[in-house]
Amino acid sequence: MLKVLKYSFYDLSRSRWTYAYLLFFLLLTFGLLNFSHDLSKTIISLMNVVLILTPLIGTLFGALYYYNSKEFIDLLLALPLPRRSIFLGKYLGLSLSLSASFVIGILAPMLLFGILSTGLVLNLVILMSTGVLLTFIFTAIAFLVSIRFEHPIRGFGAAIFIWLFLAVIYDGILLLILIWFEHYPLDHFALLMTLFNPVDLSRVLIMLQLDISALMGYTGAVFRKFLGTSLGMSIAYATLLTWIIVPVFAFLWLARRKDF
C-alpha cells in the first residue's frame, strides 16, 4: 500500500493540475492579504472559498483520477496484490497531494505576512484542518461513486450531485424546515442536522473559532454552548473523521466484491 501511495503521490505531484491548484490558493491568499492588509479578514474571506472549492476539487479530481488510472489499476489487480492496498494507496496518494497543495498555497503567504507573531495561528490551523478533512471526505466519496458506476458520465454526474446536495441543496432544505416550523424550538434539531453535513459542520467550527457565531443569532449561541467546549470540538472532529472512514470502508468493500 505504501508503494502504491508513494507512486501516486509523486505522480500527482508532477501534475500541472496540482500546481494549478496550489497556484490558485497562493495567488488568492496573496491577493486578499495585499488588498485588506488584515490577517483576520483574510481568513474570514478564505473560509467561504475553502468550504466550496476544496469539496468540489476533491470530488472532481477523485472521479477524474480514478477513471483515468483505471487501466493502471486493472494492471495492478492482475498482480498478487491485495485490492485494499491498491485502492487505499491510490486514494491516500491523491488526498495527500491535494491537501499538500492546499496547505502550502495558504500557509506560505500567511507566514510571509507574519502570522506567527499574531494570535491568529489557531484560526489558521482550524481553517486548514477543516479544508484538509473536506478534501479527504469528498475524495473518498468520489472514489466510492466511481467504483460504483462503471460509466464515467454517470460517475461524474453522481459525484457532482452529492457535492451540490451537501454544499447547496442541504442548506436550502434545512432553511425551509426552520421557516416552516419557526414556532417550535428547533435549535437542537439544527445542531443535529449540522452534524450530518460535513460542509456545514466545518463552517460552524470556523465561525466559532473566528468568534463570528453571533451572525447566526440564537442558534449560534446553541452551537457555541455545545461545539465551543472541548467535548463538543472532539465530537465535531470525530464526526468529520467518520465522514472519511465510512466512504473509505464502503469503496474498499465494493472493490473487494466487484468483478474487475
Protein backbone atom coordinates (compact mmCIF):
# COMPACT_ATOMS: atom_id res chain seq x y z
CA MET A 1 0.00 0.00 0.00
CA LEU A 2 2.85 2.39 0.83
CA LYS A 3 4.49 1.72 -2.53
CA VAL A 4 1.24 2.48 -4.38
CA LEU A 5 0.75 5.57 -2.22
CA LYS A 6 4.31 6.76 -2.91
CA TYR A 7 3.95 6.27 -6.67
CA SER A 8 0.56 8.00 -6.76
CA PHE A 9 1.77 10.92 -4.67
CA TYR A 10 4.90 11.52 -6.77
CA ASP A 11 2.92 11.09 -9.99
CA LEU A 12 0.32 13.64 -8.90
CA SER A 13 2.99 15.99 -7.54
CA ARG A 14 4.25 16.40 -11.12
CA SER A 15 0.76 17.03 -12.47
CA ARG A 16 0.07 20.51 -13.84
CA TRP A 17 -3.39 20.44 -12.25
CA THR A 18 -1.82 20.00 -8.82
CA TYR A 19 0.41 23.00 -9.47
CA ALA A 20 -2.59 24.97 -10.74
CA TYR A 21 -4.47 24.15 -7.53
CA LEU A 22 -1.52 25.30 -5.42
CA LEU A 23 -1.06 28.44 -7.52
CA PHE A 24 -4.72 29.36 -7.20
CA PHE A 25 -4.65 29.39 -3.39
CA LEU A 26 -1.25 31.06 -3.42
CA LEU A 27 -2.42 33.94 -5.61
CA LEU A 28 -5.78 34.17 -3.84
CA THR A 29 -4.21 34.42 -0.39
CA PHE A 30 -1.58 36.91 -1.55
CA GLY A 31 -4.27 38.98 -3.26
CA LEU A 32 -6.52 39.08 -0.21
CA LEU A 33 -3.61 39.95 2.08
CA ASN A 34 -2.40 42.75 -0.18
CA PHE A 35 -5.93 44.07 -0.59
CA SER A 36 -7.00 44.11 3.07
CA HIS A 37 -3.67 44.04 4.97
CA ASP A 38 -5.63 42.28 7.71
CA LEU A 39 -4.90 38.62 8.52
CA SER A 40 -8.20 38.12 10.36
CA LYS A 41 -10.30 39.45 7.48
CA THR A 42 -8.29 37.35 5.03
CA ILE A 43 -9.03 34.18 6.98
CA ILE A 44 -12.75 35.03 7.01
CA SER A 45 -12.68 35.64 3.25
CA LEU A 46 -10.81 32.38 2.65
CA MET A 47 -13.41 30.47 4.67
CA ASN A 48 -16.10 30.78 2.00
CA VAL A 49 -13.72 29.77 -0.78
CA VAL A 50 -12.33 26.80 1.14
CA LEU A 51 -15.76 25.44 2.10
CA ILE A 52 -16.90 25.41 -1.52
CA LEU A 53 -13.73 24.77 -3.51
CA THR A 54 -11.97 22.03 -1.53
CA PRO A 55 -15.01 19.68 -1.64
CA LEU A 56 -15.53 20.45 -5.34
CA ILE A 57 -11.88 19.84 -6.27
CA GLY A 58 -11.78 16.67 -4.16
CA THR A 59 -14.91 15.41 -5.94
CA LEU A 60 -13.74 16.28 -9.46
CA PHE A 61 -10.14 15.13 -9.04
CA GLY A 62 -11.22 11.94 -7.27
CA ALA A 63 -13.55 10.85 -10.06
CA LEU A 64 -11.22 12.05 -12.84
CA TYR A 65 -8.15 10.38 -11.33
CA TYR A 66 -9.93 7.07 -10.82
CA TYR A 67 -11.31 6.86 -14.35
CA ASN A 68 -8.03 8.00 -15.93
CA SER A 69 -5.96 5.46 -13.98
CA LYS A 70 -8.41 2.58 -14.39
CA GLU A 71 -6.17 0.71 -16.84
CA PHE A 72 -3.25 1.00 -14.42
CA ILE A 73 -5.48 -0.22 -11.60
CA ASP A 74 -6.52 -3.21 -13.73
CA LEU A 75 -2.85 -3.98 -14.28
CA LEU A 76 -2.18 -3.87 -10.54
CA LEU A 77 -5.18 -6.10 -9.91
CA ALA A 78 -3.62 -8.74 -12.17
CA LEU A 79 -0.65 -8.91 -9.78
CA PRO A 80 -0.70 -10.80 -6.47
CA LEU A 81 -1.51 -7.64 -4.51
CA PRO A 82 -4.36 -7.11 -2.02
CA ARG A 83 -7.12 -5.00 -3.51
CA ARG A 84 -7.33 -3.00 -0.32
CA SER A 85 -3.68 -1.92 -0.65
CA ILE A 86 -4.16 -0.81 -4.27
CA PHE A 87 -7.28 1.30 -3.79
CA LEU A 88 -6.26 2.68 -0.41
CA GLY A 89 -2.83 3.64 -1.77
CA LYS A 90 -4.38 5.44 -4.76
CA TYR A 91 -6.88 7.24 -2.53
CA LEU A 92 -4.29 8.38 0.03
CA GLY A 93 -1.87 9.46 -2.70
CA LEU A 94 -4.49 11.72 -4.28
CA SER A 95 -5.83 13.08 -0.99
CA LEU A 96 -2.38 13.87 0.37
CA SER A 97 -1.24 15.60 -2.82
CA LEU A 98 -4.36 17.81 -2.94
CA SER A 99 -4.06 18.56 0.78
CA ALA A 100 -0.39 19.48 0.42
CA SER A 101 -1.16 21.91 -2.42
CA PHE A 102 -3.97 23.47 -0.41
CA VAL A 103 -1.94 23.87 2.79
CA ILE A 104 1.16 25.26 1.05
CA GLY A 105 -0.92 27.66 -1.02
CA ILE A 106 -2.45 29.22 2.10
CA LEU A 107 0.34 28.77 4.64
CA ALA A 108 3.22 30.30 2.64
CA PRO A 109 1.65 33.78 2.20
CA MET A 110 0.43 33.77 5.80
CA LEU A 111 3.95 33.07 7.06
CA LEU A 112 5.39 35.83 4.87
CA PHE A 113 2.89 38.29 6.36
CA GLY A 114 3.96 37.31 9.89
CA ILE A 115 1.01 35.35 11.21
CA LEU A 116 3.25 33.61 13.75
CA SER A 117 3.67 36.90 15.61
CA THR A 118 -0.12 37.31 15.99
CA GLY A 119 -2.78 35.46 17.95
CA LEU A 120 -4.42 34.11 14.81
CA VAL A 121 -2.38 30.92 14.44
CA LEU A 122 -5.17 28.75 15.86
CA ASN A 123 -7.69 30.33 13.48
CA LEU A 124 -5.48 29.45 10.53
CA VAL A 125 -4.96 25.91 11.84
CA ILE A 126 -8.74 25.40 12.12
CA LEU A 127 -9.23 26.71 8.57
CA MET A 128 -6.54 24.47 7.09
CA SER A 129 -7.53 21.39 9.09
CA THR A 130 -11.16 21.63 8.00
CA GLY A 131 -10.04 22.13 4.39
CA VAL A 132 -7.84 19.03 4.59
CA LEU A 133 -10.64 16.97 6.17
CA LEU A 134 -13.10 18.09 3.48
CA THR A 135 -10.56 17.09 0.82
CA PHE A 136 -10.26 13.59 2.30
CA ILE A 137 -14.05 13.31 2.71
CA PHE A 138 -15.05 14.26 -0.81
CA THR A 139 -12.18 12.36 -2.43
CA ALA A 140 -13.41 9.25 -0.62
CA ILE A 141 -16.97 9.92 -1.81
CA ALA A 142 -15.67 10.38 -5.38
CA PHE A 143 -13.82 7.04 -5.22
CA LEU A 144 -16.93 5.34 -3.85
CA VAL A 145 -19.13 6.70 -6.63
CA SER A 146 -16.53 5.95 -9.33
CA ILE A 147 -16.19 2.32 -8.25
CA ARG A 148 -19.96 2.01 -8.07
CA PHE A 149 -20.58 3.38 -11.58
CA GLU A 150 -18.62 1.86 -14.42
CA HIS A 151 -19.61 4.59 -16.89
CA PRO A 152 -17.62 7.83 -16.36
CA ILE A 153 -20.52 10.15 -17.20
CA ARG A 154 -22.77 8.51 -14.61
CA GLY A 155 -19.97 8.56 -12.08
CA PHE A 156 -19.21 12.25 -12.64
CA GLY A 157 -22.90 13.11 -12.53
CA ALA A 158 -23.48 11.25 -9.25
CA ALA A 159 -20.34 12.73 -7.65
CA ILE A 160 -21.24 16.30 -8.65
CA PHE A 161 -24.80 15.82 -7.42
CA ILE A 162 -23.54 14.67 -4.00
CA TRP A 163 -21.29 17.74 -3.77
CA LEU A 164 -24.13 20.02 -4.89
CA PHE A 165 -26.53 18.47 -2.38
CA LEU A 166 -24.17 18.80 0.59
CA ALA A 167 -22.86 22.26 -0.36
CA VAL A 168 -26.07 23.96 -1.51
CA ILE A 169 -29.30 21.95 -1.54
CA TYR A 170 -28.95 20.64 2.02
CA ASP A 171 -28.83 24.18 3.42
CA GLY A 172 -31.92 25.14 1.43
CA ILE A 173 -33.89 22.18 2.76
CA LEU A 174 -32.77 22.88 6.33
CA LEU A 175 -33.71 26.57 5.96
CA LEU A 176 -37.19 25.65 4.70
CA ILE A 177 -37.72 23.31 7.66
CA LEU A 178 -36.64 26.04 10.09
CA ILE A 179 -39.03 28.53 8.43
CA TRP A 180 -42.00 26.15 8.32
CA PHE A 181 -41.58 25.19 11.98
CA GLU A 182 -40.33 28.54 13.27
CA HIS A 183 -42.73 28.44 16.23
CA TYR A 184 -41.08 25.29 17.58
CA PRO A 185 -37.73 25.05 19.40
CA LEU A 186 -35.52 23.74 16.60
CA ASP A 187 -32.11 24.82 17.86
CA HIS A 188 -31.03 21.34 18.89
CA PHE A 189 -32.52 19.96 15.69
CA ALA A 190 -30.38 22.41 13.68
CA LEU A 191 -27.32 21.30 15.66
CA LEU A 192 -28.08 17.64 14.94
CA MET A 193 -28.65 18.29 11.22
CA THR A 194 -25.36 20.18 11.05
CA LEU A 195 -23.53 17.04 12.18
CA PHE A 196 -24.95 15.19 9.16
CA ASN A 197 -23.32 17.62 6.72
CA PRO A 198 -19.51 17.93 6.74
CA VAL A 199 -19.59 21.28 4.88
CA ASP A 200 -21.98 22.88 7.39
CA LEU A 201 -20.11 21.38 10.33
CA SER A 202 -16.80 22.77 9.02
CA ARG A 203 -18.40 26.19 8.51
CA VAL A 204 -19.71 26.28 12.08
CA LEU A 205 -16.33 25.22 13.51
CA ILE A 206 -14.53 28.00 11.63
CA MET A 207 -17.14 30.62 12.57
CA LEU A 208 -16.94 29.66 16.24
CA GLN A 209 -13.15 29.93 16.18
CA LEU A 210 -13.32 33.32 14.42
CA ASP A 211 -15.84 34.50 17.03
CA ILE A 212 -18.46 35.44 14.43
CA SER A 213 -21.09 32.94 15.56
CA ALA A 214 -23.25 35.92 16.61
CA LEU A 215 -24.19 36.19 12.93
CA MET A 216 -26.28 33.02 13.43
CA GLY A 217 -28.38 34.57 16.18
CA TYR A 218 -29.72 32.41 19.00
CA THR A 219 -28.80 29.24 17.10
CA GLY A 220 -25.22 30.47 17.12
CA ALA A 221 -25.38 30.62 20.92
CA VAL A 222 -26.53 26.98 20.99
CA PHE A 223 -23.67 26.00 18.69
CA ARG A 224 -21.18 27.86 20.86
CA LYS A 225 -22.56 26.27 24.02
CA PHE A 226 -22.05 22.77 22.59
CA LEU A 227 -19.28 22.98 20.00
CA GLY A 228 -17.37 25.67 21.89
CA THR A 229 -16.42 23.17 24.59
CA SER A 230 -13.62 20.61 24.42
CA LEU A 231 -16.17 17.80 24.32
CA GLY A 232 -18.12 19.49 21.52
CA MET A 233 -14.97 20.08 19.45
CA SER A 234 -13.95 16.45 19.95
CA ILE A 235 -17.39 15.26 18.80
CA ALA A 236 -17.26 17.59 15.78
CA TYR A 237 -13.85 16.37 14.62
CA ALA A 238 -14.81 12.77 15.36
CA THR A 239 -17.86 13.29 13.13
CA LEU A 240 -15.68 14.66 10.32
CA LEU A 241 -13.34 11.67 10.68
CA THR A 242 -16.38 9.39 10.49
CA TRP A 243 -17.28 11.08 7.21
CA ILE A 244 -13.88 9.90 5.94
CA ILE A 245 -13.90 6.39 7.41
CA VAL A 246 -17.37 5.36 6.22
CA PRO A 247 -16.86 6.13 2.48
CA VAL A 248 -13.37 4.60 2.60
CA PHE A 249 -14.65 1.33 4.06
CA ALA A 250 -17.56 1.43 1.60
CA PHE A 251 -15.39 1.76 -1.52
CA LEU A 252 -12.94 -0.86 -0.21
CA TRP A 253 -15.88 -3.22 0.33
CA LEU A 254 -17.16 -2.55 -3.19
CA ALA A 255 -13.69 -3.02 -4.67
CA ARG A 256 -13.32 -6.37 -2.92
CA ARG A 257 -16.67 -7.64 -4.19
CA LYS A 258 -16.63 -6.17 -7.68
CA ASP A 259 -15.51 -8.29 -10.63
CA PHE A 260 -12.96 -6.13 -12.44
